Amino acid sequence: MNIRREEIGLRMALGSSRKGIKGLLIVEGLLLLTLITLPALLIEWQFVHAGLIETYGKGYSQVTYLPDRIFLRFLITNGLTWLLMAIVIVISIWLPARRASLLAPADALHYE
């Protein structure tokens, strides 16, 4: 957040609240995660569809296991991965954004 200190100071000088600045930065991080997730899902689905990612449990018994349900497993694993990455991103953005939003607007603009 040291790189964006001037931007945060300018936003605070123009009337943004500390909570609004933190929220804006967190939403920006989550939107970037979602934006990169879509092409990654398409590439991964091609690997799954081509059979390059094999699953255990196929053809061994009459019982259907979760690995046999490829689309359901695809959704669950990617959903959990997105959720874990979103938690990490929120924490890694919130801590520096909190510190940067505690600066006075004049001090943040002074570093420019």
N, C-alpha and C. Protein backbone atom coordinates (compact mmCIF):
# COMPACT_ATOMS: atom_id res chain seq x y z
N MET A 1 0.80 -1.19 0.00
CA MET A 1 0.00 0.00 0.00
C MET A 1 0.86 1.27 0.00
N ASN A 2 2.15 1.12 0.22
CA ASN A 2 3.01 2.30 0.17
C ASN A 2 3.02 2.91 -1.22
N ILE A 3 2.86 2.08 -2.23
CA ILE A 3 2.85 2.56 -3.61
C ILE A 3 1.60 3.39 -3.87
N ARG A 4 0.49 3.02 -3.27
CA ARG A 4 -0.78 3.70 -3.52
C ARG A 4 -1.12 4.70 -2.44
N ARG A 5 -0.16 5.09 -1.64
CA ARG A 5 -0.40 6.02 -0.54
C ARG A 5 -0.96 7.34 -1.05
N GLU A 6 -0.43 7.83 -2.17
CA GLU A 6 -0.91 9.11 -2.70
C GLU A 6 -2.38 9.00 -3.12
N GLU A 7 -2.71 7.88 -3.75
CA GLU A 7 -4.11 7.68 -4.17
C GLU A 7 -5.04 7.64 -2.97
N ILE A 8 -4.62 6.93 -1.93
CA ILE A 8 -5.44 6.85 -0.73
C ILE A 8 -5.58 8.23 -0.08
N GLY A 9 -4.48 8.98 -0.01
CA GLY A 9 -4.53 10.33 0.54
C GLY A 9 -5.45 11.25 -0.26
N LEU A 10 -5.41 11.13 -1.57
CA LEU A 10 -6.27 11.95 -2.42
C LEU A 10 -7.73 11.59 -2.21
N ARG A 11 -8.02 10.32 -2.12
CA ARG A 11 -9.41 9.90 -1.88
C ARG A 11 -9.91 10.40 -0.53
N MET A 12 -9.04 10.33 0.48
CA MET A 12 -9.43 10.83 1.80
C MET A 12 -9.62 12.35 1.78
N ALA A 13 -8.77 13.05 1.04
CA ALA A 13 -8.89 14.50 0.94
C ALA A 13 -10.19 14.91 0.24
N LEU A 14 -10.65 14.05 -0.66
CA LEU A 14 -11.89 14.35 -1.39
C LEU A 14 -13.14 13.88 -0.65
N GLY A 15 -12.95 13.26 0.54
CA GLY A 15 -14.11 12.94 1.36
C GLY A 15 -14.43 11.47 1.54
N SER A 16 -13.62 10.58 1.04
CA SER A 16 -13.88 9.15 1.25
C SER A 16 -13.63 8.79 2.71
N SER A 17 -14.43 7.87 3.21
CA SER A 17 -14.25 7.42 4.59
C SER A 17 -13.17 6.33 4.63
N ARG A 18 -12.66 6.07 5.79
CA ARG A 18 -11.64 5.01 5.95
C ARG A 18 -12.24 3.65 5.61
N LYS A 19 -13.47 3.43 6.04
CA LYS A 19 -14.15 2.17 5.73
C LYS A 19 -14.38 2.04 4.23
N GLY A 20 -14.74 3.12 3.58
CA GLY A 20 -14.97 3.11 2.14
C GLY A 20 -13.71 2.81 1.35
N ILE A 21 -12.59 3.34 1.81
CA ILE A 21 -11.31 3.09 1.12
C ILE A 21 -10.92 1.62 1.26
N LYS A 22 -11.04 1.08 2.47
CA LYS A 22 -10.71 -0.34 2.67
C LYS A 22 -11.63 -1.23 1.85
N GLY A 23 -12.92 -0.89 1.83
CA GLY A 23 -13.87 -1.67 1.04
C GLY A 23 -13.57 -1.62 -0.44
N LEU A 24 -13.22 -0.44 -0.92
CA LEU A 24 -12.89 -0.28 -2.34
C LEU A 24 -11.69 -1.13 -2.73
N LEU A 25 -10.65 -1.13 -1.91
CA LEU A 25 -9.46 -1.91 -2.22
C LEU A 25 -9.73 -3.41 -2.15
N ILE A 26 -10.55 -3.84 -1.20
CA ILE A 26 -10.88 -5.26 -1.09
C ILE A 26 -11.72 -5.71 -2.28
N VAL A 27 -12.70 -4.91 -2.66
CA VAL A 27 -13.53 -5.26 -3.83
C VAL A 27 -12.67 -5.31 -5.09
N GLU A 28 -11.73 -4.38 -5.21
CA GLU A 28 -10.82 -4.39 -6.36
C GLU A 28 -10.02 -5.70 -6.42
N GLY A 29 -9.51 -6.14 -5.28
CA GLY A 29 -8.75 -7.39 -5.24
C GLY A 29 -9.60 -8.59 -5.59
N LEU A 30 -10.84 -8.63 -5.09
CA LEU A 30 -11.73 -9.76 -5.39
C LEU A 30 -12.17 -9.75 -6.86
N LEU A 31 -12.35 -8.57 -7.42
CA LEU A 31 -12.70 -8.50 -8.84
C LEU A 31 -11.54 -8.98 -9.72
N LEU A 32 -10.32 -8.63 -9.33
CA LEU A 32 -9.16 -9.13 -10.09
C LEU A 32 -9.05 -10.64 -9.98
N LEU A 33 -9.32 -11.20 -8.80
CA LEU A 33 -9.31 -12.66 -8.64
C LEU A 33 -10.36 -13.31 -9.53
N THR A 34 -11.56 -12.76 -9.54
CA THR A 34 -12.63 -13.32 -10.36
C THR A 34 -12.32 -13.19 -11.84
N LEU A 35 -11.72 -12.08 -12.22
CA LEU A 35 -11.38 -11.85 -13.63
C LEU A 35 -10.38 -12.88 -14.14
N ILE A 36 -9.41 -13.23 -13.32
CA ILE A 36 -8.41 -14.21 -13.76
C ILE A 36 -8.91 -15.64 -13.59
N THR A 37 -9.93 -15.83 -12.75
CA THR A 37 -10.47 -17.17 -12.53
C THR A 37 -11.17 -17.71 -13.77
N LEU A 38 -11.87 -16.86 -14.50
CA LEU A 38 -12.64 -17.32 -15.65
C LEU A 38 -11.77 -17.96 -16.73
N PRO A 39 -10.68 -17.33 -17.20
CA PRO A 39 -9.84 -18.02 -18.18
C PRO A 39 -9.15 -19.25 -17.59
N ALA A 40 -8.82 -19.19 -16.30
CA ALA A 40 -8.18 -20.35 -15.68
C ALA A 40 -9.13 -21.54 -15.65
N LEU A 41 -10.41 -21.29 -15.39
CA LEU A 41 -11.40 -22.37 -15.40
C LEU A 41 -11.55 -22.98 -16.79
N LEU A 42 -11.54 -22.15 -17.81
CA LEU A 42 -11.64 -22.68 -19.18
C LEU A 42 -10.45 -23.56 -19.53
N ILE A 43 -9.27 -23.12 -19.15
CA ILE A 43 -8.06 -23.92 -19.43
C ILE A 43 -8.09 -25.22 -18.64
N GLU A 44 -8.48 -25.14 -17.37
CA GLU A 44 -8.52 -26.35 -16.55
C GLU A 44 -9.58 -27.33 -17.07
N TRP A 45 -10.72 -26.81 -17.50
CA TRP A 45 -11.76 -27.70 -18.01
C TRP A 45 -11.28 -28.43 -19.27
N GLN A 46 -10.46 -27.78 -20.07
CA GLN A 46 -9.90 -28.45 -21.24
C GLN A 46 -9.00 -29.63 -20.83
N PHE A 47 -8.23 -29.43 -19.77
CA PHE A 47 -7.40 -30.53 -19.26
C PHE A 47 -8.27 -31.68 -18.76
N VAL A 48 -9.32 -31.37 -18.03
CA VAL A 48 -10.21 -32.40 -17.50
C VAL A 48 -10.93 -33.10 -18.63
N HIS A 49 -11.45 -32.33 -19.57
CA HIS A 49 -12.21 -32.90 -20.69
C HIS A 49 -11.33 -33.77 -21.59
N ALA A 50 -10.07 -33.42 -21.74
CA ALA A 50 -9.15 -34.19 -22.58
C ALA A 50 -8.66 -35.46 -21.87
N GLY A 51 -8.97 -35.59 -20.59
CA GLY A 51 -8.56 -36.78 -19.86
C GLY A 51 -7.14 -36.70 -19.33
N LEU A 52 -6.56 -35.53 -19.31
CA LEU A 52 -5.20 -35.39 -18.80
C LEU A 52 -5.14 -35.46 -17.28
N ILE A 53 -6.29 -35.23 -16.63
CA ILE A 53 -6.37 -35.35 -15.18
C ILE A 53 -7.23 -36.56 -14.88
N GLU A 54 -6.60 -37.65 -14.49
CA GLU A 54 -7.32 -38.89 -14.21
C GLU A 54 -7.85 -38.88 -12.79
N THR A 55 -8.93 -39.63 -12.58
CA THR A 55 -9.52 -39.73 -11.25
C THR A 55 -9.44 -41.16 -10.76
N TYR A 56 -9.39 -41.30 -9.45
CA TYR A 56 -9.41 -42.62 -8.83
C TYR A 56 -10.85 -43.05 -8.65
N GLY A 57 -11.08 -44.35 -8.63
CA GLY A 57 -12.41 -44.87 -8.39
C GLY A 57 -13.18 -45.22 -9.64
N LYS A 58 -12.62 -45.01 -10.81
CA LYS A 58 -13.34 -45.32 -12.04
C LYS A 58 -13.26 -46.82 -12.34
N GLY A 59 -14.40 -47.39 -12.56
CA GLY A 59 -14.46 -48.76 -13.04
C GLY A 59 -14.12 -49.84 -12.04
N TYR A 60 -13.95 -49.52 -10.79
CA TYR A 60 -13.58 -50.54 -9.81
C TYR A 60 -14.79 -51.21 -9.17
N SER A 61 -15.91 -50.52 -9.10
CA SER A 61 -17.11 -51.11 -8.50
C SER A 61 -18.34 -50.44 -9.08
N GLN A 62 -19.49 -50.89 -8.63
CA GLN A 62 -20.75 -50.30 -9.09
C GLN A 62 -21.09 -49.01 -8.35
N VAL A 63 -20.38 -48.73 -7.26
CA VAL A 63 -20.64 -47.54 -6.47
C VAL A 63 -20.06 -46.33 -7.18
N THR A 64 -20.84 -45.26 -7.23
CA THR A 64 -20.37 -44.04 -7.86
C THR A 64 -19.72 -43.16 -6.81
N TYR A 65 -18.49 -42.84 -7.01
CA TYR A 65 -17.75 -41.98 -6.09
C TYR A 65 -17.72 -40.57 -6.64
N LEU A 66 -17.38 -39.63 -5.78
CA LEU A 66 -17.29 -38.24 -6.20
C LEU A 66 -16.31 -38.04 -7.35
N PRO A 67 -15.15 -38.74 -7.37
CA PRO A 67 -14.26 -38.55 -8.51
C PRO A 67 -14.87 -38.95 -9.85
N ASP A 68 -15.88 -39.82 -9.82
CA ASP A 68 -16.54 -40.20 -11.08
C ASP A 68 -17.44 -39.08 -11.60
N ARG A 69 -17.90 -38.23 -10.74
CA ARG A 69 -18.74 -37.10 -11.15
C ARG A 69 -17.83 -35.92 -11.43
N ILE A 70 -17.32 -35.88 -12.62
CA ILE A 70 -16.26 -34.94 -12.97
C ILE A 70 -16.71 -33.49 -12.82
N PHE A 71 -17.90 -33.17 -13.32
CA PHE A 71 -18.33 -31.77 -13.28
C PHE A 71 -18.58 -31.31 -11.85
N LEU A 72 -19.18 -32.17 -11.02
CA LEU A 72 -19.42 -31.81 -9.62
C LEU A 72 -18.10 -31.62 -8.88
N ARG A 73 -17.16 -32.51 -9.10
CA ARG A 73 -15.86 -32.39 -8.46
C ARG A 73 -15.15 -31.12 -8.95
N PHE A 74 -15.29 -30.82 -10.22
CA PHE A 74 -14.69 -29.62 -10.81
C PHE A 74 -15.23 -28.37 -10.11
N LEU A 75 -16.55 -28.31 -9.92
CA LEU A 75 -17.17 -27.16 -9.27
C LEU A 75 -16.76 -27.04 -7.80
N ILE A 76 -16.76 -28.15 -7.09
CA ILE A 76 -16.43 -28.12 -5.67
C ILE A 76 -14.98 -27.71 -5.44
N THR A 77 -14.06 -28.34 -6.15
CA THR A 77 -12.65 -28.02 -5.92
C THR A 77 -12.31 -26.60 -6.34
N ASN A 78 -12.86 -26.13 -7.44
CA ASN A 78 -12.57 -24.77 -7.86
C ASN A 78 -13.27 -23.74 -6.98
N GLY A 79 -14.45 -24.07 -6.49
CA GLY A 79 -15.13 -23.17 -5.56
C GLY A 79 -14.36 -23.04 -4.25
N LEU A 80 -13.88 -24.16 -3.72
CA LEU A 80 -13.09 -24.10 -2.49
C LEU A 80 -11.77 -23.37 -2.70
N THR A 81 -11.15 -23.58 -3.85
CA THR A 81 -9.90 -22.88 -4.16
C THR A 81 -10.13 -21.38 -4.26
N TRP A 82 -11.22 -20.98 -4.93
CA TRP A 82 -11.53 -19.55 -5.05
C TRP A 82 -11.78 -18.95 -3.68
N LEU A 83 -12.51 -19.68 -2.83
CA LEU A 83 -12.82 -19.17 -1.50
C LEU A 83 -11.55 -19.00 -0.66
N LEU A 84 -10.66 -19.97 -0.71
CA LEU A 84 -9.40 -19.87 0.04
C LEU A 84 -8.55 -18.71 -0.47
N MET A 85 -8.48 -18.55 -1.78
CA MET A 85 -7.71 -17.44 -2.33
C MET A 85 -8.36 -16.10 -1.99
N ALA A 86 -9.68 -16.05 -1.97
CA ALA A 86 -10.38 -14.81 -1.61
C ALA A 86 -10.09 -14.43 -0.16
N ILE A 87 -10.05 -15.41 0.73
CA ILE A 87 -9.74 -15.13 2.13
C ILE A 87 -8.33 -14.57 2.26
N VAL A 88 -7.38 -15.18 1.57
CA VAL A 88 -5.99 -14.71 1.61
C VAL A 88 -5.89 -13.30 1.04
N ILE A 89 -6.58 -13.03 -0.05
CA ILE A 89 -6.54 -11.71 -0.67
C ILE A 89 -7.15 -10.66 0.24
N VAL A 90 -8.28 -10.96 0.87
CA VAL A 90 -8.92 -10.00 1.76
C VAL A 90 -8.00 -9.66 2.94
N ILE A 91 -7.37 -10.68 3.51
CA ILE A 91 -6.46 -10.44 4.64
C ILE A 91 -5.24 -9.64 4.18
N SER A 92 -4.69 -10.01 3.04
CA SER A 92 -3.47 -9.33 2.58
C SER A 92 -3.74 -7.91 2.10
N ILE A 93 -4.96 -7.58 1.77
CA ILE A 93 -5.30 -6.21 1.39
C ILE A 93 -5.74 -5.42 2.61
N TRP A 94 -6.49 -6.04 3.50
CA TRP A 94 -7.06 -5.32 4.63
C TRP A 94 -5.99 -4.78 5.57
N LEU A 95 -4.98 -5.59 5.85
CA LEU A 95 -3.95 -5.14 6.81
C LEU A 95 -3.21 -3.89 6.33
N PRO A 96 -2.64 -3.85 5.13
CA PRO A 96 -1.98 -2.60 4.69
C PRO A 96 -2.96 -1.46 4.43
N ALA A 97 -4.17 -1.77 3.98
CA ALA A 97 -5.15 -0.71 3.72
C ALA A 97 -5.58 -0.06 5.02
N ARG A 98 -5.67 -0.82 6.08
CA ARG A 98 -6.01 -0.27 7.38
C ARG A 98 -4.92 0.69 7.85
N ARG A 99 -3.69 0.27 7.68
CA ARG A 99 -2.56 1.11 8.09
C ARG A 99 -2.51 2.39 7.26
N ALA A 100 -2.73 2.26 5.95
CA ALA A 100 -2.66 3.43 5.07
C ALA A 100 -3.84 4.38 5.31
N SER A 101 -4.99 3.84 5.66
CA SER A 101 -6.15 4.71 5.87
C SER A 101 -6.08 5.45 7.19
N LEU A 102 -5.19 5.05 8.08
CA LEU A 102 -5.04 5.76 9.35
C LEU A 102 -4.21 7.04 9.22
N LEU A 103 -3.52 7.20 8.09
CA LEU A 103 -2.75 8.42 7.85
C LEU A 103 -3.68 9.61 7.64
N ALA A 104 -3.21 10.75 8.04
CA ALA A 104 -3.96 11.97 7.75
C ALA A 104 -3.85 12.26 6.26
N PRO A 105 -4.89 12.78 5.62
CA PRO A 105 -4.84 13.05 4.18
C PRO A 105 -3.68 13.95 3.78
N ALA A 106 -3.39 14.94 4.59
CA ALA A 106 -2.28 15.86 4.26
C ALA A 106 -0.95 15.14 4.29
N ASP A 107 -0.75 14.23 5.25
CA ASP A 107 0.50 13.47 5.32
C ASP A 107 0.63 12.53 4.13
N ALA A 108 -0.46 11.90 3.74
CA ALA A 108 -0.40 10.98 2.59
C ALA A 108 -0.10 11.75 1.31
N LEU A 109 -0.66 12.94 1.17
CA LEU A 109 -0.39 13.74 -0.03
C LEU A 109 1.02 14.34 0.00
N HIS A 110 1.55 14.51 1.18
CA HIS A 110 2.90 15.07 1.31
C HIS A 110 3.96 14.15 0.69
N TYR A 111 3.74 12.84 0.71
CA TYR A 111 4.72 11.90 0.17
C TYR A 111 4.79 11.94 -1.35
N GLU A 112 3.83 12.54 -1.96
CA GLU A 112 3.82 12.63 -3.42
C GLU A 112 4.90 13.56 -3.87
